[in-house]
Amino acid sequence: MALMAVADALAAVLAGVEPLPEEAVDLEAAHRRVLARDLPSRRTQPPVAMSAMDGYAVRAADIATIPARLHVIGEIAAGRPLERALGAGEALRIFTGGVVPDSADTVVIQEDTERDGDDVVVREATAAGKNIRPAGVDFHEGDVLLRARSHLTDRHLSLAAGMNYPDLPVHRRPKIAVLATGDELVLPGTTPGPGQIVLSNGYALRALARGEGAEAIDLGVAADTMEATRAAIRRARESGADILVTTGGASVGDHDLVKRALEAEGVEIAFWRIALRPGKPMMHGRLGAMRVIGLPGNPVSSYICAFLFMVPLIRALSGRQDIHHRIERAVLGSDVAANQARQDYLRARLAHSPDGLPIATPVGHQDSSLMGNLAAAEALVVRAPLAPASSKGEPCAVIKLSLS
């Protein structure tokens, strides 16, 4: 049976995905969440004309001839407006953020003045409107400044606060349940027995999910029995998981039970095995509203598949618009051999080049069990099926592993 192409597999994973429902969270919790609907401002900013500098509020006509001596009739600080109009030949001491009275039409900065008792001598003329922030110069009440599907940054939160929102409507975080399978797995800190290995995949997968804004649940390790694996799948569903991610047990061996257990629990398998290296035995299906991604057990295969498929799915459920990884141009830092029939993702280090394009040098060994090389990599060099051999310095396509 022909293996499914990577692009087709990703399309199947994302088919029919809609952003999760809306919930309200306070501003502190809204960072890096996705806005569920457009937000109109609840206020005008600034609500009235305000001084942009420390100085003196005056009438431009009174300082048309320099030097000009004006009588200071009071002081205006931020948050303490003065309800008093200026007459001819008068000035008001004003500080940044102070409300400019209607009778004043310019602010002379204090560096251009000299105080003389109750008078101020203006040494430099200032045009009408200078150093004044007009009402609404930033935005007006009703202006839609934050749009649905915005991925909220720190700057967005500042704007939302200025628009007078104490909380924001955002899409619910996807809940990811991660299940490891295998009798051979032991926890970090344990001394492995003969044939045992230390569990590592789940830590990377949950961190990857959290980095994308998801809530991650650890379902632990299921023994290599149908009963244990099926029970763990039921726990995922009972937890309300939007995505169940399994790792291990996805191949064709006698002890690879995940596919059979998923089907026994009612999961409709959309595909199993794709034209991808590393990660050929990956699978995907659905159980009601819960989506299932079955990852290989080898650490590199597990991570690469999660990066390529789980991350876009999390982004789509979160309501983000930038679902897909960005493919960028680079040049090869070493020769690479001709590719075989599966799309290949070579782990590579990145370096700067004089012409601006990064230099991508594949790590020496691409075996799917080598965690050290995966940790050292900064990008994936994407090679199409049956791509010919390429030489050092030739162009290539990369996906950076650092996530935004």
Protein backbone atom coordinates (compact mmCIF):
# COMPACT_ATOMS: atom_id res chain seq x y z
CA MET A 1 0.00 0.00 0.00
CA ALA A 2 1.37 3.45 -1.00
CA LEU A 3 2.43 5.73 1.80
CA MET A 4 0.50 8.98 2.23
CA ALA A 5 2.35 12.14 1.22
CA VAL A 6 3.26 14.55 4.02
CA ALA A 7 1.12 17.36 2.58
CA ASP A 8 -1.89 15.04 2.31
CA ALA A 9 -1.36 13.80 5.87
CA LEU A 10 -1.24 17.34 7.22
CA ALA A 11 -4.39 18.22 5.29
CA ALA A 12 -6.12 15.21 6.86
CA VAL A 13 -5.00 16.24 10.37
CA LEU A 14 -6.38 19.75 9.85
CA ALA A 15 -9.56 18.74 8.01
CA GLY A 16 -12.68 20.21 9.61
CA VAL A 17 -10.78 21.87 12.46
CA GLU A 18 -12.54 24.89 13.96
CA PRO A 19 -11.24 27.14 16.73
CA LEU A 20 -12.31 26.06 20.21
CA PRO A 21 -15.11 27.99 21.97
CA GLU A 22 -14.68 31.42 23.50
CA GLU A 23 -13.91 32.09 27.14
CA ALA A 24 -13.16 35.28 29.06
CA VAL A 25 -9.78 35.63 30.80
CA ASP A 26 -8.23 38.58 32.58
CA LEU A 27 -5.53 40.61 30.90
CA GLU A 28 -2.70 38.90 32.77
CA ALA A 29 -3.83 35.50 31.48
CA ALA A 30 -4.50 36.67 27.91
CA HIS A 31 -0.86 36.87 26.83
CA ARG A 32 -0.26 34.68 23.73
CA ARG A 33 -3.90 33.67 23.61
CA VAL A 34 -6.01 34.19 20.48
CA LEU A 35 -8.75 36.80 20.42
CA ALA A 36 -12.16 35.30 19.68
CA ARG A 37 -13.87 38.41 18.27
CA ASP A 38 -13.28 42.01 17.22
CA LEU A 39 -12.89 44.52 20.06
CA PRO A 40 -14.09 48.13 19.71
CA SER A 41 -12.52 50.65 22.03
CA ARG A 42 -14.61 51.59 25.06
CA ARG A 43 -13.04 55.06 25.27
CA THR A 44 -11.30 57.84 23.37
CA GLN A 45 -7.55 58.19 23.95
CA PRO A 46 -6.66 60.77 25.04
CA PRO A 47 -10.15 61.83 26.08
CA VAL A 48 -9.17 65.53 25.95
CA ALA A 49 -6.22 67.53 24.65
CA MET A 50 -3.14 66.91 26.79
CA SER A 51 0.34 68.32 27.00
CA ALA A 52 3.09 66.24 25.43
CA MET A 53 5.84 68.10 27.29
CA ASP A 54 6.70 69.86 30.53
CA GLY A 55 6.43 73.60 30.00
CA TYR A 56 3.83 76.36 29.79
CA ALA A 57 0.39 76.38 28.17
CA VAL A 58 -0.02 79.68 26.33
CA ARG A 59 -1.78 81.36 23.45
CA ALA A 60 0.38 81.37 20.29
CA ALA A 61 -0.66 84.94 19.62
CA ASP A 62 0.94 86.02 22.90
CA ILE A 63 4.38 84.70 21.92
CA ALA A 64 4.44 85.87 18.33
CA THR A 65 7.10 88.41 19.32
CA ILE A 66 10.11 87.01 21.22
CA PRO A 67 11.06 87.43 23.97
CA ALA A 68 7.60 87.48 25.51
CA ARG A 69 6.82 88.02 29.18
CA LEU A 70 3.66 86.28 30.47
CA HIS A 71 2.05 86.15 33.88
CA VAL A 72 1.76 82.60 35.34
CA ILE A 73 -1.72 82.17 36.83
CA GLY A 74 -1.55 78.54 37.98
CA GLU A 75 -0.31 74.99 37.48
CA ILE A 76 -1.69 71.89 35.74
CA ALA A 77 -0.35 68.42 36.59
CA ALA A 78 -1.36 65.06 35.11
CA GLY A 79 -4.65 64.02 36.68
CA ARG A 80 -5.24 67.49 38.15
CA PRO A 81 -6.87 69.69 35.51
CA LEU A 82 -7.39 73.38 36.20
CA GLU A 83 -10.76 74.83 35.20
CA ARG A 84 -9.46 78.27 34.37
CA ALA A 85 -9.22 80.08 31.05
CA LEU A 86 -6.21 82.03 29.88
CA GLY A 87 -6.46 85.71 29.22
CA ALA A 88 -4.19 87.83 27.08
CA GLY A 89 -0.61 87.80 28.37
CA GLU A 90 -1.16 84.82 30.72
CA ALA A 91 0.39 81.35 30.98
CA LEU A 92 -0.23 78.14 32.92
CA ARG A 93 2.60 75.94 34.16
CA ILE A 94 1.81 72.48 32.74
CA PHE A 95 3.37 69.03 33.01
CA THR A 96 3.33 66.09 30.60
CA GLY A 97 -0.13 64.55 30.59
CA GLY A 98 -1.79 67.65 31.95
CA VAL A 99 -5.11 68.71 30.41
CA VAL A 100 -4.62 71.71 28.11
CA PRO A 101 -7.29 74.35 28.76
CA ASP A 102 -9.47 75.34 25.81
CA SER A 103 -8.11 78.87 25.82
CA ALA A 104 -4.52 77.68 25.23
CA ASP A 105 -3.40 76.51 21.81
CA THR A 106 0.28 75.67 22.29
CA VAL A 107 2.78 74.47 24.90
CA VAL A 108 6.23 76.06 25.18
CA ILE A 109 8.77 73.56 26.52
CA GLN A 110 10.41 74.64 29.75
CA GLU A 111 13.89 74.64 28.16
CA ASP A 112 12.77 77.59 26.00
CA THR A 113 11.65 79.64 28.99
CA GLU A 114 13.06 81.42 32.02
CA ARG A 115 11.05 81.82 35.20
CA ASP A 116 11.04 85.25 36.84
CA GLY A 117 8.92 85.15 40.00
CA ASP A 118 5.24 85.03 38.96
CA ASP A 119 6.19 85.64 35.32
CA VAL A 120 7.73 83.47 32.65
CA VAL A 121 9.90 84.80 29.84
CA VAL A 122 9.49 82.83 26.59
CA ARG A 123 12.73 82.79 24.53
CA GLU A 124 11.56 80.65 21.55
CA ALA A 125 8.24 80.94 19.71
CA THR A 126 6.07 77.84 19.45
CA ALA A 127 3.44 77.41 16.72
CA ALA A 128 -0.22 76.76 17.49
CA GLY A 129 -0.84 73.05 18.21
CA LYS A 130 2.78 72.34 19.05
CA ASN A 131 3.47 69.91 21.96
CA ILE A 132 -0.23 69.14 22.37
CA ARG A 133 -1.80 65.71 21.95
CA PRO A 134 -5.30 66.36 20.58
CA ALA A 135 -8.27 64.42 21.92
CA GLY A 136 -8.51 61.09 20.07
CA VAL A 137 -5.09 61.32 18.44
CA ASP A 138 -4.49 57.68 19.44
CA PHE A 139 -7.99 56.25 18.97
CA HIS A 140 -11.68 57.01 19.41
CA GLU A 141 -14.44 55.20 21.23
CA GLY A 142 -15.84 52.55 18.91
CA ASP A 143 -12.66 52.12 16.85
CA VAL A 144 -11.96 48.42 16.29
CA LEU A 145 -8.29 48.15 17.17
CA LEU A 146 -7.97 44.43 17.98
CA ARG A 147 -9.30 41.93 15.48
CA ALA A 148 -10.55 38.39 15.93
CA ARG A 149 -7.82 35.76 15.48
CA SER A 150 -5.11 38.15 16.75
CA HIS A 151 -2.38 36.25 18.59
CA LEU A 152 -2.10 38.54 21.59
CA THR A 153 1.33 39.99 22.30
CA ASP A 154 2.45 42.12 25.23
CA ARG A 155 1.78 45.21 23.08
CA HIS A 156 -1.77 44.05 22.37
CA LEU A 157 -2.39 43.73 26.11
CA SER A 158 -1.24 47.30 26.64
CA LEU A 159 -3.64 48.47 23.96
CA ALA A 160 -6.52 46.42 25.38
CA ALA A 161 -5.95 47.94 28.79
CA GLY A 162 -5.92 51.41 27.26
CA MET A 163 -9.22 50.54 25.55
CA ASN A 164 -10.55 49.85 29.07
CA TYR A 165 -10.87 46.05 28.89
CA PRO A 166 -10.08 44.26 32.18
CA ASP A 167 -10.57 40.88 30.49
CA LEU A 168 -10.65 39.58 26.94
CA PRO A 169 -12.67 37.03 24.95
CA VAL A 170 -10.21 34.39 23.74
CA HIS A 171 -10.44 30.90 22.32
CA ARG A 172 -10.09 28.13 24.87
CA ARG A 173 -6.69 26.51 25.13
CA PRO A 174 -6.49 23.07 23.49
CA LYS A 175 -6.06 20.30 26.03
CA ILE A 176 -3.43 17.74 25.00
CA ALA A 177 -3.18 14.34 26.69
CA VAL A 178 0.17 12.58 26.15
CA LEU A 179 0.40 8.82 26.55
CA ALA A 180 3.63 6.82 26.36
CA THR A 181 3.47 3.07 25.74
CA GLY A 182 5.98 0.32 26.32
CA ASP A 183 7.04 -2.17 29.01
CA GLU A 184 10.64 -1.06 28.50
CA LEU A 185 10.13 2.51 29.74
CA VAL A 186 11.26 3.75 33.16
CA LEU A 187 11.14 7.26 34.60
CA PRO A 188 14.15 9.61 34.68
CA GLY A 189 16.18 9.11 37.84
CA THR A 190 15.57 5.36 37.78
CA THR A 191 18.36 2.87 37.14
CA PRO A 192 17.22 1.03 33.99
CA GLY A 193 17.24 -2.75 34.10
CA PRO A 194 18.32 -4.99 31.22
CA GLY A 195 16.62 -3.85 28.02
CA GLN A 196 14.93 -0.86 29.66
CA ILE A 197 15.21 2.74 28.50
CA VAL A 198 14.53 6.06 30.21
CA LEU A 199 11.29 7.75 29.20
CA SER A 200 12.04 11.02 27.38
CA ASN A 201 9.46 11.62 24.64
CA GLY A 202 6.65 12.84 26.85
CA TYR A 203 8.68 15.67 28.36
CA ALA A 204 9.50 17.11 24.94
CA LEU A 205 5.96 16.66 23.62
CA ARG A 206 4.28 18.32 26.58
CA ALA A 207 6.78 21.21 26.52
CA LEU A 208 6.22 21.61 22.78
CA ALA A 209 2.45 21.72 23.35
CA ARG A 210 2.71 24.21 26.21
CA GLY A 211 5.00 26.39 24.12
CA GLU A 212 2.16 26.67 21.62
CA GLY A 213 -0.29 27.68 24.32
CA ALA A 214 -1.93 24.31 24.98
CA GLU A 215 -2.70 22.69 28.30
CA ALA A 216 -0.78 19.41 28.56
CA ILE A 217 -1.79 16.35 30.59
CA ASP A 218 0.55 13.46 31.36
CA LEU A 219 -1.25 10.10 31.09
CA GLY A 220 1.87 8.25 32.14
CA VAL A 221 3.05 4.98 30.59
CA ALA A 222 0.74 2.21 29.45
CA ALA A 223 2.03 -1.36 29.57
CA ASP A 224 2.14 -3.36 26.36
CA THR A 225 -1.30 -4.90 26.82
CA MET A 226 -4.59 -4.15 25.12
CA GLU A 227 -6.28 -3.64 28.48
CA ALA A 228 -3.76 -1.06 29.72
CA THR A 229 -3.64 0.82 26.42
CA ARG A 230 -7.42 0.93 26.05
CA ALA A 231 -7.84 2.09 29.64
CA ALA A 232 -5.40 4.98 29.00
CA ILE A 233 -7.32 5.99 25.87
CA ARG A 234 -10.51 6.11 27.93
CA ARG A 235 -8.76 8.28 30.53
CA ALA A 236 -7.82 10.73 27.79
CA ARG A 237 -11.41 10.99 26.67
CA GLU A 238 -12.69 11.36 30.24
CA SER A 239 -10.19 14.18 30.82
CA GLY A 240 -11.82 16.21 28.05
CA ALA A 241 -8.71 16.13 25.89
CA ASP A 242 -8.99 17.79 22.50
CA ILE A 243 -5.97 15.85 21.26
CA LEU A 244 -4.65 12.50 22.40
CA VAL A 245 -0.99 12.05 21.51
CA THR A 246 0.44 8.57 21.86
CA THR A 247 4.10 7.75 21.52
CA GLY A 248 5.40 4.25 20.77
CA GLY A 249 3.56 1.14 19.70
CA ALA A 250 2.71 2.58 16.30
CA SER A 251 4.68 0.20 14.09
CA VAL A 252 3.90 -3.33 12.91
CA GLY A 253 5.49 -5.51 15.59
CA ASP A 254 3.60 -7.99 17.76
CA HIS A 255 3.88 -5.63 20.73
CA ASP A 256 2.79 -2.52 18.80
CA LEU A 257 -0.76 -2.36 20.10
CA VAL A 258 -1.72 1.30 19.81
CA LYS A 259 -3.52 1.12 16.48
CA ARG A 260 -5.53 -1.94 17.53
CA ALA A 261 -6.37 -0.39 20.90
CA LEU A 262 -7.48 2.87 19.29
CA GLU A 263 -9.72 1.03 16.86
CA ALA A 264 -11.13 -1.11 19.66
CA GLU A 265 -12.11 2.10 21.48
CA GLY A 266 -13.90 3.41 18.40
CA VAL A 267 -11.22 5.65 16.89
CA GLU A 268 -11.67 6.10 13.15
CA ILE A 269 -8.15 5.91 11.72
CA ALA A 270 -7.70 8.43 8.89
CA PHE A 271 -4.21 7.26 7.96
CA TRP A 272 -1.39 5.07 9.22
CA ARG A 273 2.13 5.35 7.81
CA ILE A 274 3.25 8.30 5.74
CA ALA A 275 6.04 9.05 3.27
CA LEU A 276 8.12 10.83 5.90
CA ARG A 277 11.58 10.33 7.34
CA PRO A 278 11.83 10.21 10.28
CA GLY A 279 8.32 9.15 11.27
CA LYS A 280 6.91 6.71 8.74
CA PRO A 281 4.61 4.82 11.19
CA MET A 282 2.69 7.92 12.36
CA MET A 283 -1.11 7.61 12.49
CA HIS A 284 -4.07 9.93 12.87
CA GLY A 285 -7.74 9.45 13.68
CA ARG A 286 -10.72 10.77 15.64
CA LEU A 287 -12.86 9.61 18.50
CA GLY A 288 -15.83 11.95 18.61
CA ALA A 289 -14.45 15.45 19.14
CA MET A 290 -11.06 14.13 20.28
CA ARG A 291 -8.36 14.02 17.64
CA VAL A 292 -5.66 11.37 17.91
CA ILE A 293 -2.06 11.55 16.75
CA GLY A 294 -0.09 8.34 17.11
CA LEU A 295 3.64 9.02 17.09
CA PRO A 296 6.54 6.60 16.68
CA GLY A 297 8.54 5.68 19.75
CA ASN A 298 12.00 6.77 18.61
CA PRO A 299 12.66 10.16 20.21
CA VAL A 300 13.60 12.02 17.03
CA SER A 301 10.73 10.56 15.01
CA SER A 302 8.33 11.35 17.82
CA TYR A 303 9.45 14.97 18.08
CA ILE A 304 9.64 15.68 14.35
CA CYS A 305 6.15 14.28 13.76
CA ALA A 306 4.76 16.28 16.69
CA PHE A 307 6.46 19.41 15.40
CA LEU A 308 5.11 18.94 11.88
CA PHE A 309 1.57 17.79 12.72
CA MET A 310 0.65 18.41 16.37
CA VAL A 311 1.83 22.04 16.38
CA PRO A 312 -0.31 23.12 13.38
CA LEU A 313 -3.29 21.29 14.89
CA ILE A 314 -2.85 23.11 18.22
CA ARG A 315 -2.60 26.43 16.39
CA ALA A 316 -5.75 25.72 14.38
CA LEU A 317 -7.74 24.74 17.49
CA SER A 318 -6.42 27.85 19.26
CA GLY A 319 -7.82 30.07 16.52
CA ARG A 320 -4.49 31.28 15.17
CA GLN A 321 -4.13 32.37 11.56
CA ASP A 322 -0.44 31.42 11.29
CA ILE A 323 -1.08 27.68 11.41
CA HIS A 324 1.66 26.40 9.15
CA HIS A 325 5.40 26.43 9.74
CA ARG A 326 7.25 28.97 7.64
CA ILE A 327 9.61 27.50 5.06
CA GLU A 328 12.66 29.71 4.58
CA ARG A 329 15.56 29.81 2.15
CA ALA A 330 19.07 28.79 3.14
CA VAL A 331 22.20 27.30 1.63
CA LEU A 332 23.71 23.94 2.43
CA GLY A 333 26.78 23.85 4.64
CA SER A 334 27.76 20.37 3.42
CA ASP A 335 27.00 17.92 0.64
CA VAL A 336 23.87 15.76 0.99
CA ALA A 337 23.15 12.51 -0.77
CA ALA A 338 20.23 11.87 -3.10
CA ASN A 339 16.96 11.36 -1.25
CA GLN A 340 14.84 8.23 -1.38
CA ALA A 341 11.06 7.99 -1.79
CA ARG A 342 10.07 9.64 1.51
CA GLN A 343 10.14 13.37 2.25
CA ASP A 344 13.13 13.90 4.50
CA TYR A 345 13.64 16.35 7.37
CA LEU A 346 17.35 16.57 8.13
CA ARG A 347 18.32 17.96 11.50
CA ALA A 348 20.73 20.84 10.91
CA ARG A 349 22.72 23.56 12.61
CA LEU A 350 22.43 27.14 11.35
CA ALA A 351 25.15 29.72 10.81
CA HIS A 352 25.19 33.21 9.32
CA SER A 353 26.58 33.83 5.85
CA PRO A 354 27.92 37.07 4.30
CA ASP A 355 25.05 37.27 1.78
CA GLY A 356 22.40 37.07 4.50
CA LEU A 357 21.04 33.58 3.86
CA PRO A 358 21.61 31.16 6.74
CA ILE A 359 23.94 28.21 6.21
CA ALA A 360 22.23 24.93 7.14
CA THR A 361 24.63 22.10 7.93
CA PRO A 362 22.99 18.72 8.62
CA VAL A 363 24.26 17.03 11.77
CA GLY A 364 26.55 14.10 11.14
CA HIS A 365 24.17 11.27 12.01
CA GLN A 366 20.45 11.39 11.19
CA ASP A 367 19.40 8.23 13.03
CA SER A 368 15.94 8.66 14.60
CA SER A 369 17.15 7.62 18.07
CA LEU A 370 19.88 10.26 18.49
CA MET A 371 18.60 12.79 21.01
CA GLY A 372 21.91 14.64 21.23
CA ASN A 373 21.82 15.60 17.58
CA LEU A 374 18.16 16.63 17.82
CA ALA A 375 18.96 18.91 20.76
CA ALA A 376 21.89 20.43 18.85
CA ALA A 377 19.79 21.11 15.74
CA GLU A 378 18.29 24.54 15.07
CA ALA A 379 16.39 23.75 11.88
CA LEU A 380 15.11 21.04 9.60
CA VAL A 381 16.33 20.86 6.02
CA VAL A 382 13.32 19.81 3.94
CA ARG A 383 14.12 17.45 1.08
CA ALA A 384 11.46 16.35 -1.36
CA PRO A 385 11.01 12.68 -2.24
CA LEU A 386 13.63 11.50 -4.77
CA ALA A 387 15.51 14.82 -4.59
CA PRO A 388 18.91 14.52 -6.30
CA ALA A 389 22.18 14.89 -4.45
CA SER A 390 23.04 18.48 -3.55
CA SER A 391 26.41 20.10 -2.99
CA LYS A 392 27.65 22.46 -0.31
CA GLY A 393 26.57 26.02 -1.13
CA GLU A 394 23.47 25.04 -3.09
CA PRO A 395 20.09 26.48 -2.03
CA CYS A 396 17.83 24.50 0.26
CA ALA A 397 14.59 24.92 2.20
CA VAL A 398 14.55 24.96 6.01
CA ILE A 399 12.06 25.17 8.85
CA LYS A 400 13.49 26.70 11.99
CA LEU A 401 12.91 24.68 15.13
CA SER A 402 12.67 27.69 17.43
CA LEU A 403 8.97 28.40 17.83
CA SER A 404 7.37 31.81 17.94
